[in-house]
Amino acid sequence: MALRILYFILALTIASAVHAEGDRFRFEVINAANDLADNSVQTVVCTKTGRMIIGTGGNLNFYDGAKFSHIDSNVDYQYELSEYKGNSHLYFDRRHHIWMKRMGLVTCVDLLKEQFIQNVDSVIREMGCNDRVTDIFTDSVGHVWMLTSKGLFGVEQSRYYDRLSQKNLQDVDVYGDKFLLTFYEDGEQYAQHLETGKI
């Protein structure tokens, strides 16, 4: 009899442990019924302050852990990027902007005000680039890089770097404070010295 009671207590303990392990994770469907702007989530990123930003079909949703707020895009606030052929991509820069690239267009959000900037061209000019921008990137430290017919303009450096190929430029990053890394569609990558531009 004592052995049966011991087995029963042991079985209860194991069952409780398994049930507790299953409760560690909680999954919920979050959609437009929960105040998301729409159900077509394209990108999800987390800010340094811990908020989630969710890009949905041209809109930005801000989630603070309890509720959503969102801002709607306006077609008049878009800037054409003739060389960007990809889907949605969100970039943060060090100047409190979110750049949202989508299907050959970019919009810019003032992160402090949580508002789309009406004139993206004015932000580009303020950053020192006076040429038509055909694609835009930020690197892992938040510096902005703008592709133009003259090459790749580094906002922090206020100078142009050679575009080393007519292939589709996919991404840009820096290695320390010495090298610019450019990544191309076919897998090629190049490193240029930030001061001299030498490959």
C-alpha atoms as a PDB file:
ATOM      1  CA  MET A   1       0.000   0.000   0.000  1.00  0.00           C
ATOM      2  CA  ALA A   2       2.780   2.419   0.906  1.00  0.00           C
ATOM      3  CA  LEU A   3       4.471   1.626  -2.395  1.00  0.00           C
ATOM      4  CA  ARG A   4       1.289   2.529  -4.330  1.00  0.00           C
ATOM      5  CA  ILE A   5       1.026   5.856  -2.500  1.00  0.00           C
ATOM      6  CA  LEU A   6       4.702   6.555  -3.267  1.00  0.00           C
ATOM      7  CA  TYR A   7       4.128   5.787  -6.995  1.00  0.00           C
ATOM      8  CA  PHE A   8       1.041   8.016  -6.995  1.00  0.00           C
ATOM      9  CA  ILE A   9       2.938  10.941  -5.428  1.00  0.00           C
ATOM     10  CA  LEU A  10       5.824  10.431  -7.862  1.00  0.00           C
ATOM     11  CA  ALA A  11       3.426  10.397 -10.841  1.00  0.00           C
ATOM     12  CA  LEU A  12       1.740  13.583  -9.598  1.00  0.00           C
ATOM     13  CA  THR A  13       5.115  15.304  -9.181  1.00  0.00           C
ATOM     14  CA  ILE A  14       6.214  14.381 -12.717  1.00  0.00           C
ATOM     15  CA  ALA A  15       2.875  15.442 -14.202  1.00  0.00           C
ATOM     16  CA  SER A  16       3.091  18.800 -12.389  1.00  0.00           C
ATOM     17  CA  ALA A  17       6.631  19.368 -13.664  1.00  0.00           C
ATOM     18  CA  VAL A  18       5.625  18.578 -17.264  1.00  0.00           C
ATOM     19  CA  HIS A  19       2.599  20.879 -17.010  1.00  0.00           C
ATOM     20  CA  ALA A  20       4.724  23.701 -15.531  1.00  0.00           C
ATOM     21  CA  GLU A  21       7.266  23.277 -18.351  1.00  0.00           C
ATOM     22  CA  GLY A  22       4.478  23.652 -20.919  1.00  0.00           C
ATOM     23  CA  ASP A  23       3.322  26.931 -19.324  1.00  0.00           C
ATOM     24  CA  ARG A  24       6.703  28.628 -19.826  1.00  0.00           C
ATOM     25  CA  PHE A  25       5.794  29.737 -23.330  1.00  0.00           C
ATOM     26  CA  ARG A  26       2.607  31.472 -24.318  1.00  0.00           C
ATOM     27  CA  PHE A  27       1.676  31.953 -27.939  1.00  0.00           C
ATOM     28  CA  GLU A  28      -1.076  34.275 -29.102  1.00  0.00           C
ATOM     29  CA  VAL A  29      -2.363  35.267 -32.498  1.00  0.00           C
ATOM     30  CA  ILE A  30      -2.076  39.026 -32.890  1.00  0.00           C
ATOM     31  CA  ASN A  31      -3.958  40.552 -35.795  1.00  0.00           C
ATOM     32  CA  ALA A  32      -6.181  43.478 -36.783  1.00  0.00           C
ATOM     33  CA  ALA A  33      -8.658  42.480 -34.068  1.00  0.00           C
ATOM     34  CA  ASN A  34      -5.924  43.465 -31.566  1.00  0.00           C
ATOM     35  CA  ASP A  35      -5.501  46.976 -33.120  1.00  0.00           C
ATOM     36  CA  LEU A  36      -2.771  45.978 -35.571  1.00  0.00           C
ATOM     37  CA  ALA A  37      -3.167  48.209 -38.678  1.00  0.00           C
ATOM     38  CA  ASP A  38      -3.757  45.149 -40.868  1.00  0.00           C
ATOM     39  CA  ASN A  39      -2.975  41.439 -40.997  1.00  0.00           C
ATOM     40  CA  SER A  40      -0.156  41.491 -43.570  1.00  0.00           C
ATOM     41  CA  VAL A  41       2.908  41.656 -41.308  1.00  0.00           C
ATOM     42  CA  GLN A  42       6.051  42.208 -43.398  1.00  0.00           C
ATOM     43  CA  THR A  43       8.770  42.996 -40.824  1.00  0.00           C
ATOM     44  CA  VAL A  44       9.197  42.909 -37.064  1.00  0.00           C
ATOM     45  CA  VAL A  45      12.046  44.664 -35.234  1.00  0.00           C
ATOM     46  CA  CYS A  46      12.715  45.644 -31.643  1.00  0.00           C
ATOM     47  CA  THR A  47      13.916  49.097 -30.590  1.00  0.00           C
ATOM     48  CA  LYS A  48      16.604  49.714 -27.974  1.00  0.00           C
ATOM     49  CA  THR A  49      13.823  50.878 -25.642  1.00  0.00           C
ATOM     50  CA  GLY A  50      12.129  47.471 -25.883  1.00  0.00           C
ATOM     51  CA  ARG A  51       9.168  48.371 -28.099  1.00  0.00           C
ATOM     52  CA  MET A  52       8.368  46.209 -31.087  1.00  0.00           C
ATOM     53  CA  ILE A  53       7.858  47.866 -34.441  1.00  0.00           C
ATOM     54  CA  ILE A  54       5.817  45.894 -36.940  1.00  0.00           C
ATOM     55  CA  GLY A  55       5.660  46.893 -40.600  1.00  0.00           C
ATOM     56  CA  THR A  56       2.392  45.988 -42.311  1.00  0.00           C
ATOM     57  CA  GLY A  57       1.774  46.902 -45.922  1.00  0.00           C
ATOM     58  CA  GLY A  58       3.055  50.480 -45.700  1.00  0.00           C
ATOM     59  CA  ASN A  59       1.982  51.191 -42.116  1.00  0.00           C
ATOM     60  CA  LEU A  60       4.038  51.068 -38.930  1.00  0.00           C
ATOM     61  CA  ASN A  61       2.685  49.587 -35.718  1.00  0.00           C
ATOM     62  CA  PHE A  62       4.264  50.220 -32.324  1.00  0.00           C
ATOM     63  CA  TYR A  63       3.746  47.588 -29.615  1.00  0.00           C
ATOM     64  CA  ASP A  64       4.722  48.437 -26.043  1.00  0.00           C
ATOM     65  CA  GLY A  65       4.003  44.988 -24.601  1.00  0.00           C
ATOM     66  CA  ALA A  66       0.363  45.701 -23.829  1.00  0.00           C
ATOM     67  CA  LYS A  67      -1.178  47.574 -26.742  1.00  0.00           C
ATOM     68  CA  PHE A  68      -0.649  48.704 -30.324  1.00  0.00           C
ATOM     69  CA  SER A  69      -0.588  52.156 -31.789  1.00  0.00           C
ATOM     70  CA  HIS A  70       0.060  52.757 -35.461  1.00  0.00           C
ATOM     71  CA  ILE A  71       0.762  55.451 -37.995  1.00  0.00           C
ATOM     72  CA  ASP A  72      -0.534  55.330 -41.545  1.00  0.00           C
ATOM     73  CA  SER A  73       1.623  55.990 -44.553  1.00  0.00           C
ATOM     74  CA  ASN A  74       0.607  58.428 -47.271  1.00  0.00           C
ATOM     75  CA  VAL A  75       1.560  57.917 -50.933  1.00  0.00           C
ATOM     76  CA  ASP A  76       2.679  61.559 -51.042  1.00  0.00           C
ATOM     77  CA  TYR A  77       5.359  60.810 -48.389  1.00  0.00           C
ATOM     78  CA  GLN A  78       7.156  58.201 -50.502  1.00  0.00           C
ATOM     79  CA  TYR A  79      10.479  58.597 -52.311  1.00  0.00           C
ATOM     80  CA  GLU A  80      11.250  56.407 -55.309  1.00  0.00           C
ATOM     81  CA  LEU A  81      14.292  54.121 -55.142  1.00  0.00           C
ATOM     82  CA  SER A  82      14.804  52.946 -58.718  1.00  0.00           C
ATOM     83  CA  GLU A  83      17.401  50.288 -57.824  1.00  0.00           C
ATOM     84  CA  TYR A  84      15.571  48.688 -54.886  1.00  0.00           C
ATOM     85  CA  LYS A  85      13.675  45.628 -56.047  1.00  0.00           C
ATOM     86  CA  GLY A  86      13.109  43.895 -52.697  1.00  0.00           C
ATOM     87  CA  ASN A  87      10.186  43.533 -50.342  1.00  0.00           C
ATOM     88  CA  SER A  88       9.778  45.291 -47.006  1.00  0.00           C
ATOM     89  CA  HIS A  89      12.843  46.229 -45.001  1.00  0.00           C
ATOM     90  CA  LEU A  90      13.161  48.472 -41.934  1.00  0.00           C
ATOM     91  CA  TYR A  91      16.343  50.365 -41.071  1.00  0.00           C
ATOM     92  CA  PHE A  92      17.121  52.493 -38.014  1.00  0.00           C
ATOM     93  CA  ASP A  93      19.659  55.275 -38.211  1.00  0.00           C
ATOM     94  CA  ARG A  94      21.495  57.175 -35.478  1.00  0.00           C
ATOM     95  CA  ARG A  95      19.419  60.286 -36.146  1.00  0.00           C
ATOM     96  CA  HIS A  96      16.159  58.801 -34.804  1.00  0.00           C
ATOM     97  CA  HIS A  97      14.738  57.837 -38.190  1.00  0.00           C
ATOM     98  CA  ILE A  98      13.162  54.638 -39.372  1.00  0.00           C
ATOM     99  CA  TRP A  99      13.585  54.037 -43.095  1.00  0.00           C
ATOM    100  CA  MET A 100      10.957  51.683 -44.501  1.00  0.00           C
ATOM    101  CA  LYS A 101      11.852  50.331 -47.946  1.00  0.00           C
ATOM    102  CA  ARG A 102       9.159  48.536 -49.861  1.00  0.00           C
ATOM    103  CA  MET A 103       8.839  47.636 -53.563  1.00  0.00           C
ATOM    104  CA  GLY A 104      11.016  50.413 -55.019  1.00  0.00           C
ATOM    105  CA  LEU A 105       9.951  53.102 -52.531  1.00  0.00           C
ATOM    106  CA  VAL A 106      11.157  54.414 -49.197  1.00  0.00           C
ATOM    107  CA  THR A 107       9.381  56.334 -46.453  1.00  0.00           C
ATOM    108  CA  CYS A 108      11.015  57.965 -43.464  1.00  0.00           C
ATOM    109  CA  VAL A 109       9.620  58.153 -39.937  1.00  0.00           C
ATOM    110  CA  ASP A 110      10.687  60.559 -37.213  1.00  0.00           C
ATOM    111  CA  LEU A 111      10.969  58.055 -34.367  1.00  0.00           C
ATOM    112  CA  LEU A 112      10.788  60.734 -31.661  1.00  0.00           C
ATOM    113  CA  LYS A 113       7.450  62.043 -32.957  1.00  0.00           C
ATOM    114  CA  GLU A 114       6.254  58.713 -34.390  1.00  0.00           C
ATOM    115  CA  GLN A 115       5.235  60.480 -37.608  1.00  0.00           C
ATOM    116  CA  PHE A 116       6.014  59.921 -41.260  1.00  0.00           C
ATOM    117  CA  ILE A 117       8.115  62.747 -42.690  1.00  0.00           C
ATOM    118  CA  GLN A 118       6.251  64.385 -45.556  1.00  0.00           C
ATOM    119  CA  ASN A 119       9.319  65.327 -47.601  1.00  0.00           C
ATOM    120  CA  VAL A 120      11.871  62.482 -47.620  1.00  0.00           C
ATOM    121  CA  ASP A 121      13.993  64.469 -50.072  1.00  0.00           C
ATOM    122  CA  SER A 122      14.495  67.174 -47.415  1.00  0.00           C
ATOM    123  CA  VAL A 123      15.929  64.597 -44.977  1.00  0.00           C
ATOM    124  CA  ILE A 124      18.301  63.341 -47.678  1.00  0.00           C
ATOM    125  CA  ARG A 125      19.455  66.934 -48.387  1.00  0.00           C
ATOM    126  CA  GLU A 126      19.934  67.614 -44.656  1.00  0.00           C
ATOM    127  CA  MET A 127      22.235  64.600 -44.559  1.00  0.00           C
ATOM    128  CA  GLY A 128      24.430  66.179 -47.233  1.00  0.00           C
ATOM    129  CA  CYS A 129      23.458  64.265 -50.367  1.00  0.00           C
ATOM    130  CA  ASN A 130      22.341  66.532 -53.219  1.00  0.00           C
ATOM    131  CA  ASP A 131      22.002  63.807 -55.860  1.00  0.00           C
ATOM    132  CA  ARG A 132      19.091  61.568 -56.761  1.00  0.00           C
ATOM    133  CA  VAL A 133      19.196  58.538 -54.426  1.00  0.00           C
ATOM    134  CA  THR A 134      18.485  55.172 -56.054  1.00  0.00           C
ATOM    135  CA  ASP A 135      18.806  53.012 -52.908  1.00  0.00           C
ATOM    136  CA  ILE A 136      19.430  53.587 -49.219  1.00  0.00           C
ATOM    137  CA  PHE A 137      20.952  51.496 -46.422  1.00  0.00           C
ATOM    138  CA  THR A 138      22.038  51.757 -42.822  1.00  0.00           C
ATOM    139  CA  ASP A 139      24.918  49.755 -41.406  1.00  0.00           C
ATOM    140  CA  SER A 140      25.073  47.888 -38.105  1.00  0.00           C
ATOM    141  CA  VAL A 141      25.998  51.046 -36.173  1.00  0.00           C
ATOM    142  CA  GLY A 142      23.236  53.173 -37.731  1.00  0.00           C
ATOM    143  CA  HIS A 143      25.190  55.179 -40.312  1.00  0.00           C
ATOM    144  CA  VAL A 144      23.239  56.003 -43.485  1.00  0.00           C
ATOM    145  CA  TRP A 145      24.546  55.087 -46.951  1.00  0.00           C
ATOM    146  CA  MET A 146      22.901  56.387 -50.134  1.00  0.00           C
ATOM    147  CA  LEU A 147      23.431  54.909 -53.572  1.00  0.00           C
ATOM    148  CA  THR A 148      23.514  57.493 -56.392  1.00  0.00           C
ATOM    149  CA  SER A 149      24.825  57.663 -59.957  1.00  0.00           C
ATOM    150  CA  LYS A 150      28.118  59.006 -58.498  1.00  0.00           C
ATOM    151  CA  GLY A 151      28.576  56.026 -56.175  1.00  0.00           C
ATOM    152  CA  LEU A 152      27.785  55.190 -52.578  1.00  0.00           C
ATOM    153  CA  PHE A 153      27.491  58.308 -50.408  1.00  0.00           C
ATOM    154  CA  GLY A 154      28.515  57.855 -46.762  1.00  0.00           C
ATOM    155  CA  VAL A 155      26.626  60.411 -44.677  1.00  0.00           C
ATOM    156  CA  GLU A 156      29.023  60.222 -41.696  1.00  0.00           C
ATOM    157  CA  GLN A 157      32.066  60.587 -43.977  1.00  0.00           C
ATOM    158  CA  SER A 158      30.440  63.154 -46.308  1.00  0.00           C
ATOM    159  CA  ARG A 159      32.054  61.468 -49.284  1.00  0.00           C
ATOM    160  CA  TYR A 160      31.383  59.085 -52.149  1.00  0.00           C
ATOM    161  CA  TYR A 161      32.771  55.575 -52.446  1.00  0.00           C
ATOM    162  CA  ASP A 162      33.085  53.637 -55.671  1.00  0.00           C
ATOM    163  CA  ARG A 163      30.376  51.254 -56.581  1.00  0.00           C
ATOM    164  CA  LEU A 164      32.606  48.431 -57.646  1.00  0.00           C
ATOM    165  CA  SER A 165      30.098  46.586 -59.792  1.00  0.00           C
ATOM    166  CA  GLN A 166      27.006  47.276 -61.841  1.00  0.00           C
ATOM    167  CA  LYS A 167      25.448  44.304 -60.080  1.00  0.00           C
ATOM    168  CA  ASN A 168      22.615  44.781 -57.634  1.00  0.00           C
ATOM    169  CA  LEU A 169      23.949  46.088 -54.314  1.00  0.00           C
ATOM    170  CA  GLN A 170      22.165  44.155 -51.547  1.00  0.00           C
ATOM    171  CA  ASP A 171      23.660  45.403 -48.298  1.00  0.00           C
ATOM    172  CA  VAL A 172      26.270  47.618 -46.697  1.00  0.00           C
ATOM    173  CA  ASP A 173      28.125  47.418 -43.400  1.00  0.00           C
ATOM    174  CA  VAL A 174      31.281  48.678 -41.746  1.00  0.00           C
ATOM    175  CA  TYR A 175      34.096  46.781 -40.091  1.00  0.00           C
ATOM    176  CA  GLY A 176      35.220  48.816 -37.119  1.00  0.00           C
ATOM    177  CA  ASP A 177      35.990  52.372 -38.144  1.00  0.00           C
ATOM    178  CA  LYS A 178      38.294  51.358 -40.985  1.00  0.00           C
ATOM    179  CA  PHE A 179      36.407  49.505 -43.718  1.00  0.00           C
ATOM    180  CA  LEU A 180      33.228  49.799 -45.762  1.00  0.00           C
ATOM    181  CA  LEU A 181      31.825  46.410 -46.778  1.00  0.00           C
ATOM    182  CA  THR A 182      29.514  46.123 -49.784  1.00  0.00           C
ATOM    183  CA  PHE A 183      27.560  42.943 -50.578  1.00  0.00           C
ATOM    184  CA  TYR A 184      26.190  42.140 -54.029  1.00  0.00           C
ATOM    185  CA  GLU A 185      23.369  39.997 -55.373  1.00  0.00           C
ATOM    186  CA  ASP A 186      25.677  37.292 -56.760  1.00  0.00           C
ATOM    187  CA  GLY A 187      27.510  36.823 -53.443  1.00  0.00           C
ATOM    188  CA  GLU A 188      30.472  39.072 -54.224  1.00  0.00           C
ATOM    189  CA  GLN A 189      31.641  41.377 -51.482  1.00  0.00           C
ATOM    190  CA  TYR A 190      34.205  44.141 -51.384  1.00  0.00           C
ATOM    191  CA  ALA A 191      35.969  46.025 -48.638  1.00  0.00           C
ATOM    192  CA  GLN A 192      37.113  49.629 -49.114  1.00  0.00           C
ATOM    193  CA  HIS A 193      39.193  51.626 -46.697  1.00  0.00           C
ATOM    194  CA  LEU A 194      36.963  54.376 -45.287  1.00  0.00           C
ATOM    195  CA  GLU A 195      39.691  57.052 -45.425  1.00  0.00           C
ATOM    196  CA  THR A 196      41.330  56.273 -48.742  1.00  0.00           C
ATOM    197  CA  GLY A 197      38.609  54.382 -50.623  1.00  0.00           C
ATOM    198  CA  LYS A 198      41.221  51.774 -51.572  1.00  0.00           C
ATOM    199  CA  ILE A 199      39.926  48.223 -52.143  1.00  0.00           C
END
